[in-house]
């Protein structure tokens, strides 16, 4: 009986070892899909600056501990009692630096590695992540500016904020809903921006019963095939505008997108939309010769006066003006 018990215990131990090994191997197979900690800024005169860390470096470990988030790094620094070896990845190069206890003097951000798309994917390249996007919180205007640049038009975010009136709009919902900040609510700065820039466009809104989903999907994929990215809302289920830059899968079931989310992990390039089907879509169909720049700027001041007038009329459920 004792011999049987010994055999059973040994078998159980070996089984656990095999399971653990398989889990470790599975983790290794997925290693390239793990999040990583990217350096987004280095403070002058700090340890990181003196040791030569630069923006774009990846912090792999601190004091022997793998770090993949701000929390991981913070805890590793707090637990370090002495100087710690920091493993850094820079392109194809891997090297180590010794840091004294305390702050490193860097800004970091959790990122995800680039996706590998399906062989049948249709992708419009050239709308990569830029650091200056972090300070630009009007995601419709930001999306429009990036699409405009892709199409060869010199329209930057600041100019579009001005000529659309978005820079001047003071608007609140009667029940304090956050929708008041969206470009397509209340005073429609989205439409003003498109018109001021001279764009011809089609606007699609998903029906409540989703009956027009397939027809909108066909319009989106046709626009991608024609070389024009699509501006769409709520691609990641976060209530923000973004850009559909491609599609893959049967009938274009999965949209490849660029989104402007600064609060969670992000890729430097494109990702797959994870929200429901986008409820609102703008497709750029062409561009006419816009009004003169002088007339556009004069109109923007008229818009500012309209929206900041204490006697301005409210629009639907939104209070406008001062």
C-alpha atoms as a PDB file:
ATOM      1  CA  UNK A   1       0.000   0.000   0.000  1.00  0.00           C
ATOM      2  CA  UNK A   2       2.831   2.359   0.920  1.00  0.00           C
ATOM      3  CA  UNK A   3       4.505   1.533  -2.399  1.00  0.00           C
ATOM      4  CA  UNK A   4       1.300   2.430  -4.273  1.00  0.00           C
ATOM      5  CA  UNK A   5       1.126   5.754  -2.422  1.00  0.00           C
ATOM      6  CA  UNK A   6       4.739   6.501  -3.340  1.00  0.00           C
ATOM      7  CA  UNK A   7       4.031   5.784  -7.002  1.00  0.00           C
ATOM      8  CA  UNK A   8       0.928   7.983  -6.948  1.00  0.00           C
ATOM      9  CA  UNK A   9       2.794  10.875  -5.278  1.00  0.00           C
ATOM     10  CA  UNK A  10       5.658  10.558  -7.768  1.00  0.00           C
ATOM     11  CA  UNK A  11       3.236  10.531 -10.699  1.00  0.00           C
ATOM     12  CA  UNK A  12       1.446  13.584  -9.321  1.00  0.00           C
ATOM     13  CA  UNK A  13       4.763  15.415  -8.872  1.00  0.00           C
ATOM     14  CA  UNK A  14       5.877  14.575 -12.415  1.00  0.00           C
ATOM     15  CA  UNK A  15       2.492  15.660 -13.753  1.00  0.00           C
ATOM     16  CA  UNK A  16       2.781  19.027 -12.022  1.00  0.00           C
ATOM     17  CA  UNK A  17       6.316  19.451 -13.393  1.00  0.00           C
ATOM     18  CA  UNK A  18       5.147  18.720 -16.934  1.00  0.00           C
ATOM     19  CA  UNK A  19       2.224  21.123 -16.551  1.00  0.00           C
ATOM     20  CA  UNK A  20       4.492  23.848 -15.209  1.00  0.00           C
ATOM     21  CA  UNK A  21       6.964  23.299 -18.046  1.00  0.00           C
ATOM     22  CA  UNK A  22       4.164  23.469 -20.608  1.00  0.00           C
ATOM     23  CA  UNK A  23       2.861  26.680 -19.054  1.00  0.00           C
ATOM     24  CA  UNK A  24       6.347  28.199 -19.080  1.00  0.00           C
ATOM     25  CA  UNK A  25       6.861  27.139 -22.680  1.00  0.00           C
ATOM     26  CA  UNK A  26       3.466  28.528 -23.633  1.00  0.00           C
ATOM     27  CA  UNK A  27       4.407  31.800 -21.937  1.00  0.00           C
ATOM     28  CA  UNK A  28       7.677  31.840 -23.883  1.00  0.00           C
ATOM     29  CA  UNK A  29       5.803  31.260 -27.145  1.00  0.00           C
ATOM     30  CA  UNK A  30       3.649  34.290 -26.335  1.00  0.00           C
ATOM     31  CA  UNK A  31       6.569  36.435 -25.174  1.00  0.00           C
ATOM     32  CA  UNK A  32       6.540  38.592 -28.281  1.00  0.00           C
ATOM     33  CA  UNK A  33       2.899  39.473 -27.541  1.00  0.00           C
ATOM     34  CA  UNK A  34       3.545  40.643 -23.989  1.00  0.00           C
ATOM     35  CA  UNK A  35       3.259  44.353 -23.098  1.00  0.00           C
ATOM     36  CA  UNK A  36       6.498  46.255 -22.621  1.00  0.00           C
ATOM     37  CA  UNK A  37       7.589  49.451 -20.887  1.00  0.00           C
ATOM     38  CA  UNK A  38       8.746  52.175 -23.283  1.00  0.00           C
ATOM     39  CA  UNK A  39      10.649  55.300 -22.281  1.00  0.00           C
ATOM     40  CA  UNK A  40       8.674  58.323 -23.540  1.00  0.00           C
ATOM     41  CA  UNK A  41      10.808  61.039 -21.944  1.00  0.00           C
ATOM     42  CA  UNK A  42      14.044  61.603 -20.028  1.00  0.00           C
ATOM     43  CA  UNK A  43      14.415  64.391 -17.445  1.00  0.00           C
ATOM     44  CA  UNK A  44      17.599  66.431 -17.943  1.00  0.00           C
ATOM     45  CA  UNK A  45      20.229  66.096 -15.212  1.00  0.00           C
ATOM     46  CA  UNK A  46      18.827  62.876 -13.731  1.00  0.00           C
ATOM     47  CA  UNK A  47      20.405  59.423 -13.501  1.00  0.00           C
ATOM     48  CA  UNK A  48      18.719  58.322 -16.723  1.00  0.00           C
ATOM     49  CA  UNK A  49      20.010  61.373 -18.584  1.00  0.00           C
ATOM     50  CA  UNK A  50      23.566  60.959 -17.317  1.00  0.00           C
ATOM     51  CA  UNK A  51      23.573  57.240 -18.122  1.00  0.00           C
ATOM     52  CA  UNK A  52      22.379  57.867 -21.669  1.00  0.00           C
ATOM     53  CA  UNK A  53      18.798  56.555 -21.676  1.00  0.00           C
ATOM     54  CA  UNK A  54      16.811  57.986 -24.580  1.00  0.00           C
ATOM     55  CA  UNK A  55      13.206  58.194 -25.692  1.00  0.00           C
ATOM     56  CA  UNK A  56      12.179  54.940 -27.364  1.00  0.00           C
ATOM     57  CA  UNK A  57      14.319  52.696 -25.153  1.00  0.00           C
ATOM     58  CA  UNK A  58      12.532  49.737 -23.557  1.00  0.00           C
ATOM     59  CA  UNK A  59      13.040  48.933 -19.857  1.00  0.00           C
ATOM     60  CA  UNK A  60      13.068  45.151 -19.642  1.00  0.00           C
ATOM     61  CA  UNK A  61      13.981  44.572 -15.989  1.00  0.00           C
ATOM     62  CA  UNK A  62      14.983  46.420 -12.833  1.00  0.00           C
ATOM     63  CA  UNK A  63      17.120  44.689 -10.213  1.00  0.00           C
ATOM     64  CA  UNK A  64      16.408  41.294 -11.744  1.00  0.00           C
ATOM     65  CA  UNK A  65      12.624  41.834 -11.835  1.00  0.00           C
ATOM     66  CA  UNK A  66      10.769  41.887 -15.148  1.00  0.00           C
ATOM     67  CA  UNK A  67       8.872  45.182 -15.501  1.00  0.00           C
ATOM     68  CA  UNK A  68       5.986  45.563 -17.960  1.00  0.00           C
ATOM     69  CA  UNK A  69       4.032  48.440 -16.419  1.00  0.00           C
ATOM     70  CA  UNK A  70       4.500  51.615 -14.396  1.00  0.00           C
ATOM     71  CA  UNK A  71       3.300  49.672 -11.337  1.00  0.00           C
ATOM     72  CA  UNK A  72       5.935  46.959 -11.860  1.00  0.00           C
ATOM     73  CA  UNK A  73       8.707  49.543 -12.137  1.00  0.00           C
ATOM     74  CA  UNK A  74       7.496  51.563  -9.148  1.00  0.00           C
ATOM     75  CA  UNK A  75       7.415  48.473  -6.922  1.00  0.00           C
ATOM     76  CA  UNK A  76      10.849  47.316  -8.119  1.00  0.00           C
ATOM     77  CA  UNK A  77      12.363  50.732  -7.341  1.00  0.00           C
ATOM     78  CA  UNK A  78      10.716  50.866  -3.908  1.00  0.00           C
ATOM     79  CA  UNK A  79      11.930  47.361  -3.008  1.00  0.00           C
ATOM     80  CA  UNK A  80      15.526  47.965  -4.121  1.00  0.00           C
ATOM     81  CA  UNK A  81      17.853  48.365  -1.138  1.00  0.00           C
ATOM     82  CA  UNK A  82      21.004  48.974  -3.127  1.00  0.00           C
ATOM     83  CA  UNK A  83      22.087  49.862  -6.649  1.00  0.00           C
ATOM     84  CA  UNK A  84      20.101  47.925  -9.249  1.00  0.00           C
ATOM     85  CA  UNK A  85      20.988  46.616 -12.671  1.00  0.00           C
ATOM     86  CA  UNK A  86      18.531  47.794 -15.340  1.00  0.00           C
ATOM     87  CA  UNK A  87      18.319  45.844 -18.603  1.00  0.00           C
ATOM     88  CA  UNK A  88      17.521  48.100 -21.563  1.00  0.00           C
ATOM     89  CA  UNK A  89      16.574  47.205 -25.134  1.00  0.00           C
ATOM     90  CA  UNK A  90      17.346  49.697 -27.892  1.00  0.00           C
ATOM     91  CA  UNK A  91      16.458  48.349 -31.317  1.00  0.00           C
ATOM     92  CA  UNK A  92      18.468  45.153 -31.731  1.00  0.00           C
ATOM     93  CA  UNK A  93      20.862  46.081 -28.898  1.00  0.00           C
ATOM     94  CA  UNK A  94      20.480  44.860 -25.294  1.00  0.00           C
ATOM     95  CA  UNK A  95      22.620  46.407 -22.547  1.00  0.00           C
ATOM     96  CA  UNK A  96      22.616  47.002 -18.794  1.00  0.00           C
ATOM     97  CA  UNK A  97      22.971  50.131 -16.654  1.00  0.00           C
ATOM     98  CA  UNK A  98      23.465  50.471 -12.904  1.00  0.00           C
ATOM     99  CA  UNK A  99      21.033  52.800 -11.140  1.00  0.00           C
ATOM    100  CA  UNK A 100      21.325  54.082  -7.577  1.00  0.00           C
ATOM    101  CA  UNK A 101      18.263  53.679  -5.327  1.00  0.00           C
ATOM    102  CA  UNK A 102      15.463  56.169  -5.978  1.00  0.00           C
ATOM    103  CA  UNK A 103      13.876  57.746  -9.000  1.00  0.00           C
ATOM    104  CA  UNK A 104      15.355  57.102 -12.427  1.00  0.00           C
ATOM    105  CA  UNK A 105      14.268  60.367 -14.050  1.00  0.00           C
ATOM    106  CA  UNK A 106      12.213  58.913 -16.901  1.00  0.00           C
ATOM    107  CA  UNK A 107       8.665  58.971 -18.204  1.00  0.00           C
ATOM    108  CA  UNK A 108       7.406  55.541 -19.206  1.00  0.00           C
ATOM    109  CA  UNK A 109       4.369  54.116 -20.909  1.00  0.00           C
ATOM    110  CA  UNK A 110       3.071  50.576 -21.271  1.00  0.00           C
ATOM    111  CA  UNK A 111       2.908  49.560 -24.918  1.00  0.00           C
ATOM    112  CA  UNK A 112       1.969  46.520 -26.953  1.00  0.00           C
ATOM    113  CA  UNK A 113       4.080  45.080 -29.772  1.00  0.00           C
ATOM    114  CA  UNK A 114       3.001  45.609 -33.347  1.00  0.00           C
ATOM    115  CA  UNK A 115       0.347  43.255 -34.668  1.00  0.00           C
ATOM    116  CA  UNK A 116       0.979  40.692 -37.362  1.00  0.00           C
ATOM    117  CA  UNK A 117      -1.887  41.019 -39.808  1.00  0.00           C
ATOM    118  CA  UNK A 118      -3.513  38.299 -41.881  1.00  0.00           C
ATOM    119  CA  UNK A 119      -2.089  37.650 -45.370  1.00  0.00           C
ATOM    120  CA  UNK A 120      -5.378  38.876 -46.884  1.00  0.00           C
ATOM    121  CA  UNK A 121      -5.364  42.173 -44.964  1.00  0.00           C
ATOM    122  CA  UNK A 122      -5.893  45.414 -46.886  1.00  0.00           C
ATOM    123  CA  UNK A 123      -3.929  48.169 -45.127  1.00  0.00           C
ATOM    124  CA  UNK A 124      -3.307  51.850 -45.824  1.00  0.00           C
ATOM    125  CA  UNK A 125       0.110  52.529 -44.332  1.00  0.00           C
ATOM    126  CA  UNK A 126       1.366  55.893 -43.119  1.00  0.00           C
ATOM    127  CA  UNK A 127      -0.718  56.981 -40.107  1.00  0.00           C
ATOM    128  CA  UNK A 128       1.748  55.987 -37.394  1.00  0.00           C
ATOM    129  CA  UNK A 129       1.652  57.001 -33.736  1.00  0.00           C
ATOM    130  CA  UNK A 130       3.136  60.418 -32.933  1.00  0.00           C
ATOM    131  CA  UNK A 131       4.120  61.680 -29.480  1.00  0.00           C
ATOM    132  CA  UNK A 132       2.419  65.056 -30.014  1.00  0.00           C
ATOM    133  CA  UNK A 133      -0.978  63.324 -30.144  1.00  0.00           C
ATOM    134  CA  UNK A 134      -0.995  63.024 -26.355  1.00  0.00           C
ATOM    135  CA  UNK A 135      -1.795  66.719 -25.902  1.00  0.00           C
ATOM    136  CA  UNK A 136      -4.595  66.769 -28.500  1.00  0.00           C
ATOM    137  CA  UNK A 137      -7.839  65.684 -26.908  1.00  0.00           C
ATOM    138  CA  UNK A 138     -10.395  66.426 -29.654  1.00  0.00           C
ATOM    139  CA  UNK A 139     -10.302  63.012 -31.285  1.00  0.00           C
ATOM    140  CA  UNK A 140     -12.498  63.958 -34.252  1.00  0.00           C
ATOM    141  CA  UNK A 141     -10.326  66.921 -35.229  1.00  0.00           C
ATOM    142  CA  UNK A 142      -7.203  64.826 -34.616  1.00  0.00           C
ATOM    143  CA  UNK A 143      -8.566  62.005 -36.800  1.00  0.00           C
ATOM    144  CA  UNK A 144      -9.516  64.448 -39.552  1.00  0.00           C
ATOM    145  CA  UNK A 145      -6.084  66.096 -39.497  1.00  0.00           C
ATOM    146  CA  UNK A 146      -4.301  62.732 -39.790  1.00  0.00           C
ATOM    147  CA  UNK A 147      -6.582  61.605 -42.654  1.00  0.00           C
ATOM    148  CA  UNK A 148      -6.067  64.965 -44.384  1.00  0.00           C
ATOM    149  CA  UNK A 149      -2.296  64.588 -44.109  1.00  0.00           C
ATOM    150  CA  UNK A 150      -2.508  61.033 -45.471  1.00  0.00           C
ATOM    151  CA  UNK A 151      -4.462  62.350 -48.462  1.00  0.00           C
ATOM    152  CA  UNK A 152      -1.796  64.976 -49.088  1.00  0.00           C
ATOM    153  CA  UNK A 153      -3.575  68.018 -47.643  1.00  0.00           C
ATOM    154  CA  UNK A 154      -1.684  70.376 -45.339  1.00  0.00           C
ATOM    155  CA  UNK A 155      -4.212  70.695 -42.527  1.00  0.00           C
ATOM    156  CA  UNK A 156      -2.881  70.489 -38.993  1.00  0.00           C
ATOM    157  CA  UNK A 157      -4.751  69.996 -35.738  1.00  0.00           C
ATOM    158  CA  UNK A 158      -4.440  73.613 -34.542  1.00  0.00           C
ATOM    159  CA  UNK A 159      -5.725  75.069 -37.781  1.00  0.00           C
ATOM    160  CA  UNK A 160      -8.683  72.670 -37.871  1.00  0.00           C
ATOM    161  CA  UNK A 161      -9.533  73.477 -34.255  1.00  0.00           C
ATOM    162  CA  UNK A 162      -9.741  77.127 -35.265  1.00  0.00           C
ATOM    163  CA  UNK A 163     -11.583  76.971 -38.578  1.00  0.00           C
ATOM    164  CA  UNK A 164     -14.122  74.482 -37.167  1.00  0.00           C
ATOM    165  CA  UNK A 165     -14.892  76.643 -34.137  1.00  0.00           C
ATOM    166  CA  UNK A 166     -13.962  73.736 -31.846  1.00  0.00           C
ATOM    167  CA  UNK A 167     -11.351  75.916 -30.142  1.00  0.00           C
ATOM    168  CA  UNK A 168     -14.054  78.411 -29.145  1.00  0.00           C
ATOM    169  CA  UNK A 169     -17.021  76.164 -28.394  1.00  0.00           C
ATOM    170  CA  UNK A 170     -18.262  76.362 -24.809  1.00  0.00           C
ATOM    171  CA  UNK A 171     -21.003  73.771 -24.489  1.00  0.00           C
ATOM    172  CA  UNK A 172     -22.621  71.770 -21.698  1.00  0.00           C
ATOM    173  CA  UNK A 173     -25.376  69.175 -21.626  1.00  0.00           C
ATOM    174  CA  UNK A 174     -28.340  69.990 -19.408  1.00  0.00           C
ATOM    175  CA  UNK A 175     -27.677  66.844 -17.343  1.00  0.00           C
ATOM    176  CA  UNK A 176     -23.871  67.111 -17.473  1.00  0.00           C
ATOM    177  CA  UNK A 177     -23.371  64.235 -19.924  1.00  0.00           C
ATOM    178  CA  UNK A 178     -19.833  63.981 -21.291  1.00  0.00           C
ATOM    179  CA  UNK A 179     -21.249  63.955 -24.828  1.00  0.00           C
ATOM    180  CA  UNK A 180     -21.002  67.755 -24.694  1.00  0.00           C
ATOM    181  CA  UNK A 181     -17.314  67.511 -25.604  1.00  0.00           C
ATOM    182  CA  UNK A 182     -17.939  65.470 -28.772  1.00  0.00           C
ATOM    183  CA  UNK A 183     -17.592  67.234 -32.115  1.00  0.00           C
ATOM    184  CA  UNK A 184     -20.823  65.769 -33.503  1.00  0.00           C
ATOM    185  CA  UNK A 185     -23.091  66.859 -30.633  1.00  0.00           C
ATOM    186  CA  UNK A 186     -24.790  70.202 -30.138  1.00  0.00           C
ATOM    187  CA  UNK A 187     -22.974  72.746 -32.260  1.00  0.00           C
ATOM    188  CA  UNK A 188     -21.612  70.423 -35.004  1.00  0.00           C
ATOM    189  CA  UNK A 189     -17.963  71.415 -35.262  1.00  0.00           C
ATOM    190  CA  UNK A 190     -17.319  68.184 -37.203  1.00  0.00           C
ATOM    191  CA  UNK A 191     -19.443  69.391 -40.126  1.00  0.00           C
ATOM    192  CA  UNK A 192     -17.995  72.904 -39.967  1.00  0.00           C
ATOM    193  CA  UNK A 193     -14.448  71.459 -40.114  1.00  0.00           C
ATOM    194  CA  UNK A 194     -15.220  69.274 -43.145  1.00  0.00           C
ATOM    195  CA  UNK A 195     -16.951  72.104 -44.986  1.00  0.00           C
ATOM    196  CA  UNK A 196     -14.232  74.659 -44.187  1.00  0.00           C
ATOM    197  CA  UNK A 197     -11.592  72.251 -45.486  1.00  0.00           C
ATOM    198  CA  UNK A 198     -13.583  71.754 -48.693  1.00  0.00           C
ATOM    199  CA  UNK A 199     -14.177  68.027 -48.247  1.00  0.00           C
ATOM    200  CA  UNK A 200     -16.984  66.152 -49.931  1.00  0.00           C
ATOM    201  CA  UNK A 201     -18.069  63.361 -47.624  1.00  0.00           C
ATOM    202  CA  UNK A 202     -20.691  60.759 -46.841  1.00  0.00           C
ATOM    203  CA  UNK A 203     -21.982  60.343 -43.295  1.00  0.00           C
ATOM    204  CA  UNK A 204     -23.435  57.040 -42.123  1.00  0.00           C
ATOM    205  CA  UNK A 205     -25.160  56.272 -38.856  1.00  0.00           C
ATOM    206  CA  UNK A 206     -25.835  52.714 -37.717  1.00  0.00           C
ATOM    207  CA  UNK A 207     -29.548  51.933 -37.398  1.00  0.00           C
ATOM    208  CA  UNK A 208     -30.821  50.875 -33.981  1.00  0.00           C
ATOM    209  CA  UNK A 209     -31.607  47.413 -35.339  1.00  0.00           C
ATOM    210  CA  UNK A 210     -28.239  47.264 -37.182  1.00  0.00           C
ATOM    211  CA  UNK A 211     -30.124  46.629 -40.431  1.00  0.00           C
ATOM    212  CA  UNK A 212     -27.711  48.810 -42.431  1.00  0.00           C
ATOM    213  CA  UNK A 213     -24.517  47.350 -40.941  1.00  0.00           C
ATOM    214  CA  UNK A 214     -23.554  45.338 -44.029  1.00  0.00           C
ATOM    215  CA  UNK A 215     -24.126  48.248 -46.393  1.00  0.00           C
ATOM    216  CA  UNK A 216     -21.984  50.565 -44.228  1.00  0.00           C
ATOM    217  CA  UNK A 217     -19.274  47.891 -44.059  1.00  0.00           C
ATOM    218  CA  UNK A 218     -19.234  47.737 -47.862  1.00  0.00           C
ATOM    219  CA  UNK A 219     -18.847  51.524 -48.046  1.00  0.00           C
ATOM    220  CA  UNK A 220     -15.957  51.380 -45.559  1.00  0.00           C
ATOM    221  CA  UNK A 221     -14.087  48.604 -47.386  1.00  0.00           C
ATOM    222  CA  UNK A 222     -14.671  50.337 -50.742  1.00  0.00           C
ATOM    223  CA  UNK A 223     -13.150  53.532 -49.327  1.00  0.00           C
ATOM    224  CA  UNK A 224     -10.107  51.626 -48.078  1.00  0.00           C
ATOM    225  CA  UNK A 225      -9.757  49.930 -51.475  1.00  0.00           C
ATOM    226  CA  UNK A 226      -9.857  53.388 -53.070  1.00  0.00           C
ATOM    227  CA  UNK A 227      -7.026  54.581 -50.813  1.00  0.00           C
ATOM    228  CA  UNK A 228      -9.012  56.788 -48.430  1.00  0.00           C
ATOM    229  CA  UNK A 229      -9.003  56.089 -44.649  1.00  0.00           C
ATOM    230  CA  UNK A 230     -12.335  56.326 -42.828  1.00  0.00           C
ATOM    231  CA  UNK A 231     -13.130  58.409 -39.743  1.00  0.00           C
ATOM    232  CA  UNK A 232     -15.276  56.394 -37.322  1.00  0.00           C
ATOM    233  CA  UNK A 233     -16.611  56.628 -33.772  1.00  0.00           C
ATOM    234  CA  UNK A 234     -16.181  54.237 -30.840  1.00  0.00           C
ATOM    235  CA  UNK A 235     -13.833  51.752 -32.475  1.00  0.00           C
ATOM    236  CA  UNK A 236     -12.514  50.506 -29.129  1.00  0.00           C
ATOM    237  CA  UNK A 237     -15.664  50.925 -27.016  1.00  0.00           C
ATOM    238  CA  UNK A 238     -14.283  54.068 -25.357  1.00  0.00           C
ATOM    239  CA  UNK A 239     -16.450  56.802 -26.856  1.00  0.00           C
ATOM    240  CA  UNK A 240     -13.738  58.389 -29.026  1.00  0.00           C
ATOM    241  CA  UNK A 241     -13.169  59.017 -32.720  1.00  0.00           C
ATOM    242  CA  UNK A 242     -10.499  57.155 -34.632  1.00  0.00           C
ATOM    243  CA  UNK A 243      -9.479  56.069 -38.113  1.00  0.00           C
ATOM    244  CA  UNK A 244     -10.210  52.833 -39.977  1.00  0.00           C
ATOM    245  CA  UNK A 245      -7.000  52.181 -41.888  1.00  0.00           C
ATOM    246  CA  UNK A 246      -7.714  48.721 -43.249  1.00  0.00           C
ATOM    247  CA  UNK A 247      -9.606  45.473 -42.876  1.00  0.00           C
ATOM    248  CA  UNK A 248      -9.059  41.730 -42.829  1.00  0.00           C
ATOM    249  CA  UNK A 249     -11.069  38.546 -42.583  1.00  0.00           C
ATOM    250  CA  UNK A 250     -14.120  37.406 -44.541  1.00  0.00           C
ATOM    251  CA  UNK A 251     -16.045  40.378 -45.963  1.00  0.00           C
ATOM    252  CA  UNK A 252     -13.810  42.741 -43.994  1.00  0.00           C
ATOM    253  CA  UNK A 253     -15.121  41.555 -40.636  1.00  0.00           C
ATOM    254  CA  UNK A 254     -12.175  42.948 -38.663  1.00  0.00           C
ATOM    255  CA  UNK A 255     -11.266  46.609 -38.972  1.00  0.00           C
ATOM    256  CA  UNK A 256      -7.625  47.652 -38.677  1.00  0.00           C
ATOM    257  CA  UNK A 257      -7.564  51.028 -36.941  1.00  0.00           C
ATOM    258  CA  UNK A 258      -5.564  53.914 -35.502  1.00  0.00           C
ATOM    259  CA  UNK A 259      -7.008  55.174 -32.246  1.00  0.00           C
ATOM    260  CA  UNK A 260      -6.035  58.033 -29.967  1.00  0.00           C
ATOM    261  CA  UNK A 261      -6.290  56.616 -26.461  1.00  0.00           C
ATOM    262  CA  UNK A 262      -3.751  57.957 -23.974  1.00  0.00           C
ATOM    263  CA  UNK A 263      -5.120  56.187 -20.895  1.00  0.00           C
ATOM    264  CA  UNK A 264      -4.410  52.554 -21.701  1.00  0.00           C
ATOM    265  CA  UNK A 265      -1.832  50.379 -23.440  1.00  0.00           C
ATOM    266  CA  UNK A 266      -1.332  51.313 -27.045  1.00  0.00           C
ATOM    267  CA  UNK A 267       0.630  50.246 -30.047  1.00  0.00           C
ATOM    268  CA  UNK A 268       2.918  52.563 -31.933  1.00  0.00           C
ATOM    269  CA  UNK A 269       1.025  51.625 -35.077  1.00  0.00           C
ATOM    270  CA  UNK A 270      -2.283  50.029 -35.952  1.00  0.00           C
ATOM    271  CA  UNK A 271      -4.492  47.709 -33.942  1.00  0.00           C
ATOM    272  CA  UNK A 272      -7.703  45.706 -34.387  1.00  0.00           C
ATOM    273  CA  UNK A 273     -10.984  47.389 -33.414  1.00  0.00           C
ATOM    274  CA  UNK A 274     -12.406  45.744 -30.302  1.00  0.00           C
ATOM    275  CA  UNK A 275     -15.626  47.724 -29.866  1.00  0.00           C
ATOM    276  CA  UNK A 276     -18.953  46.998 -31.503  1.00  0.00           C
ATOM    277  CA  UNK A 277     -19.551  48.063 -35.089  1.00  0.00           C
ATOM    278  CA  UNK A 278     -18.880  51.840 -35.296  1.00  0.00           C
ATOM    279  CA  UNK A 279     -22.176  53.725 -34.850  1.00  0.00           C
ATOM    280  CA  UNK A 280     -21.018  56.786 -36.856  1.00  0.00           C
ATOM    281  CA  UNK A 281     -18.795  56.938 -39.905  1.00  0.00           C
ATOM    282  CA  UNK A 282     -17.457  59.703 -42.165  1.00  0.00           C
ATOM    283  CA  UNK A 283     -16.087  58.725 -45.577  1.00  0.00           C
ATOM    284  CA  UNK A 284     -14.093  61.337 -47.492  1.00  0.00           C
ATOM    285  CA  UNK A 285     -15.183  61.237 -51.128  1.00  0.00           C
ATOM    286  CA  UNK A 286     -13.199  64.125 -52.552  1.00  0.00           C
ATOM    287  CA  UNK A 287     -12.200  67.733 -52.095  1.00  0.00           C
ATOM    288  CA  UNK A 288     -13.366  70.864 -53.827  1.00  0.00           C
ATOM    289  CA  UNK A 289     -11.400  74.093 -53.831  1.00  0.00           C
ATOM    290  CA  UNK A 290     -12.054  75.468 -50.329  1.00  0.00           C
ATOM    291  CA  UNK A 291     -12.788  79.109 -49.618  1.00  0.00           C
ATOM    292  CA  UNK A 292      -9.785  81.406 -49.348  1.00  0.00           C
ATOM    293  CA  UNK A 293      -7.800  81.143 -46.127  1.00  0.00           C
ATOM    294  CA  UNK A 294      -8.781  84.731 -45.294  1.00  0.00           C
ATOM    295  CA  UNK A 295     -12.516  83.929 -45.621  1.00  0.00           C
ATOM    296  CA  UNK A 296     -12.086  80.730 -43.588  1.00  0.00           C
ATOM    297  CA  UNK A 297     -10.414  82.601 -40.730  1.00  0.00           C
ATOM    298  CA  UNK A 298     -13.007  85.394 -40.803  1.00  0.00           C
ATOM    299  CA  UNK A 299     -15.731  82.743 -40.606  1.00  0.00           C
ATOM    300  CA  UNK A 300     -13.985  81.145 -37.606  1.00  0.00           C
ATOM    301  CA  UNK A 301     -14.184  84.445 -35.710  1.00  0.00           C
ATOM    302  CA  UNK A 302     -17.874  84.707 -36.611  1.00  0.00           C
ATOM    303  CA  UNK A 303     -18.360  81.207 -35.171  1.00  0.00           C
ATOM    304  CA  UNK A 304     -16.526  82.211 -31.999  1.00  0.00           C
ATOM    305  CA  UNK A 305     -18.773  85.238 -31.596  1.00  0.00           C
ATOM    306  CA  UNK A 306     -21.898  83.146 -32.187  1.00  0.00           C
ATOM    307  CA  UNK A 307     -20.941  80.535 -29.604  1.00  0.00           C
ATOM    308  CA  UNK A 308     -19.646  82.896 -26.928  1.00  0.00           C
ATOM    309  CA  UNK A 309     -22.570  85.301 -27.143  1.00  0.00           C
ATOM    310  CA  UNK A 310     -24.357  85.284 -23.742  1.00  0.00           C
ATOM    311  CA  UNK A 311     -27.624  85.332 -25.693  1.00  0.00           C
ATOM    312  CA  UNK A 312     -26.702  82.388 -27.922  1.00  0.00           C
ATOM    313  CA  UNK A 313     -29.561  79.968 -28.586  1.00  0.00           C
ATOM    314  CA  UNK A 314     -29.233  76.504 -27.087  1.00  0.00           C
ATOM    315  CA  UNK A 315     -29.012  73.562 -29.474  1.00  0.00           C
ATOM    316  CA  UNK A 316     -31.169  70.556 -28.619  1.00  0.00           C
ATOM    317  CA  UNK A 317     -30.183  69.583 -25.055  1.00  0.00           C
ATOM    318  CA  UNK A 318     -26.956  71.555 -25.015  1.00  0.00           C
ATOM    319  CA  UNK A 319     -26.300  74.965 -23.495  1.00  0.00           C
ATOM    320  CA  UNK A 320     -24.147  77.135 -25.754  1.00  0.00           C
ATOM    321  CA  UNK A 321     -22.291  80.352 -24.936  1.00  0.00           C
ATOM    322  CA  UNK A 322     -21.430  82.201 -21.761  1.00  0.00           C
END
